[in-house]
Amino acid sequence: MRVVIAASGTGGHVIPALAVADALRARDAEVSFITTRDRSGTGLPSR
């Protein structure tokens, strides 16, 4: 299964999305993210 998760760049959106991604990956899903470019204030690294 392939899944795309879209979330704005705030921690309130990204952190829950990461938890969902982890759960999906545990079921062998391939997960990709779409976020806003500016994630300052979330504490998350840019990749």
N, C-alpha and C. Protein backbone atom coordinates (compact mmCIF):
# COMPACT_ATOMS: atom_id res chain seq x y z
N MET A 1 0.84 -1.16 0.00
CA MET A 1 0.00 0.00 0.00
C MET A 1 0.90 1.24 0.00
N ARG A 2 0.51 2.24 -0.75
CA ARG A 2 1.22 3.52 -0.81
C ARG A 2 0.28 4.61 -0.32
N VAL A 3 0.80 5.44 0.60
CA VAL A 3 -0.02 6.47 1.22
C VAL A 3 0.72 7.80 1.17
N VAL A 4 -0.01 8.88 0.90
CA VAL A 4 0.55 10.23 0.98
C VAL A 4 -0.20 10.95 2.09
N ILE A 5 0.58 11.55 3.01
CA ILE A 5 0.00 12.32 4.10
C ILE A 5 0.33 13.79 3.86
N ALA A 6 -0.69 14.64 3.88
CA ALA A 6 -0.49 16.08 3.72
C ALA A 6 -0.80 16.76 5.05
N ALA A 7 0.14 17.60 5.50
CA ALA A 7 -0.05 18.32 6.76
C ALA A 7 0.63 19.67 6.66
N SER A 8 0.03 20.67 7.30
CA SER A 8 0.68 21.98 7.31
C SER A 8 1.95 21.88 8.14
N GLY A 9 2.75 22.92 8.12
CA GLY A 9 4.05 22.85 8.76
C GLY A 9 4.07 23.04 10.25
N THR A 10 2.92 23.03 10.92
CA THR A 10 2.94 23.21 12.37
C THR A 10 3.04 21.87 13.08
N GLY A 11 3.64 21.90 14.26
CA GLY A 11 3.80 20.67 15.03
C GLY A 11 2.47 20.01 15.37
N GLY A 12 1.42 20.82 15.53
CA GLY A 12 0.11 20.26 15.84
C GLY A 12 -0.47 19.41 14.72
N HIS A 13 0.03 19.60 13.51
CA HIS A 13 -0.40 18.79 12.38
C HIS A 13 0.63 17.71 12.05
N VAL A 14 1.89 18.07 12.10
CA VAL A 14 2.94 17.16 11.66
C VAL A 14 3.16 16.02 12.66
N ILE A 15 3.19 16.31 13.95
CA ILE A 15 3.48 15.27 14.93
C ILE A 15 2.42 14.17 14.92
N PRO A 16 1.11 14.47 14.91
CA PRO A 16 0.13 13.38 14.77
C PRO A 16 0.27 12.64 13.44
N ALA A 17 0.61 13.36 12.38
CA ALA A 17 0.78 12.71 11.08
C ALA A 17 1.94 11.72 11.12
N LEU A 18 3.00 12.05 11.86
CA LEU A 18 4.13 11.12 12.01
C LEU A 18 3.69 9.86 12.74
N ALA A 19 2.84 10.00 13.74
CA ALA A 19 2.33 8.83 14.46
C ALA A 19 1.50 7.94 13.55
N VAL A 20 0.67 8.56 12.72
CA VAL A 20 -0.12 7.79 11.75
C VAL A 20 0.80 7.09 10.76
N ALA A 21 1.84 7.79 10.31
CA ALA A 21 2.80 7.20 9.37
C ALA A 21 3.49 5.99 9.99
N ASP A 22 3.88 6.10 11.26
CA ASP A 22 4.52 4.96 11.93
C ASP A 22 3.58 3.76 11.98
N ALA A 23 2.31 4.00 12.29
CA ALA A 23 1.34 2.90 12.34
C ALA A 23 1.16 2.27 10.97
N LEU A 24 1.12 3.09 9.93
CA LEU A 24 0.97 2.55 8.57
C LEU A 24 2.21 1.77 8.14
N ARG A 25 3.38 2.30 8.48
CA ARG A 25 4.63 1.60 8.12
C ARG A 25 4.73 0.26 8.83
N ALA A 26 4.18 0.16 10.04
CA ALA A 26 4.16 -1.11 10.77
C ALA A 26 3.34 -2.15 10.02
N ARG A 27 2.46 -1.68 9.14
CA ARG A 27 1.64 -2.57 8.30
C ARG A 27 2.18 -2.65 6.88
N ASP A 28 3.48 -2.32 6.76
CA ASP A 28 4.21 -2.41 5.48
C ASP A 28 3.74 -1.42 4.42
N ALA A 29 3.21 -0.29 4.82
CA ALA A 29 2.82 0.74 3.86
C ALA A 29 4.04 1.60 3.53
N GLU A 30 4.07 2.12 2.32
CA GLU A 30 5.08 3.08 1.89
C GLU A 30 4.44 4.46 2.06
N VAL A 31 5.02 5.29 2.95
CA VAL A 31 4.41 6.57 3.30
C VAL A 31 5.27 7.72 2.81
N SER A 32 4.62 8.70 2.17
CA SER A 32 5.26 9.95 1.74
C SER A 32 4.53 11.11 2.39
N PHE A 33 5.25 12.23 2.56
CA PHE A 33 4.67 13.42 3.18
C PHE A 33 4.67 14.59 2.22
N ILE A 34 3.65 15.43 2.34
CA ILE A 34 3.60 16.73 1.69
C ILE A 34 3.36 17.73 2.82
N THR A 35 4.28 18.69 2.98
CA THR A 35 4.12 19.71 4.01
C THR A 35 4.47 21.07 3.43
N THR A 36 4.25 22.08 4.23
CA THR A 36 4.68 23.41 3.83
C THR A 36 6.19 23.49 3.98
N ARG A 37 6.79 24.40 3.29
CA ARG A 37 8.23 24.55 3.31
C ARG A 37 8.74 25.05 4.66
N ASP A 38 8.02 25.98 5.28
CA ASP A 38 8.46 26.58 6.54
C ASP A 38 7.97 25.76 7.72
N ARG A 39 8.89 25.08 8.39
CA ARG A 39 8.54 24.31 9.57
C ARG A 39 9.21 24.89 10.81
N SER A 40 9.62 26.17 10.76
CA SER A 40 10.20 26.79 11.94
C SER A 40 9.14 26.82 13.03
N GLY A 41 9.53 26.59 14.22
CA GLY A 41 8.58 26.55 15.33
C GLY A 41 8.08 25.16 15.63
N THR A 42 8.35 24.19 14.76
CA THR A 42 7.92 22.82 15.04
C THR A 42 9.02 22.02 15.72
N GLY A 43 10.27 22.46 15.56
CA GLY A 43 11.39 21.69 16.08
C GLY A 43 11.73 20.50 15.21
N LEU A 44 11.08 20.39 14.05
CA LEU A 44 11.33 19.27 13.15
C LEU A 44 12.36 19.65 12.10
N PRO A 45 13.25 18.72 11.76
CA PRO A 45 14.26 19.03 10.75
C PRO A 45 13.66 19.08 9.34
N SER A 46 14.28 19.85 8.49
CA SER A 46 13.91 19.89 7.07
C SER A 46 14.60 18.75 6.36
N ARG A 47 13.90 18.06 5.49
CA ARG A 47 14.53 16.96 4.75
C ARG A 47 14.34 17.17 3.29
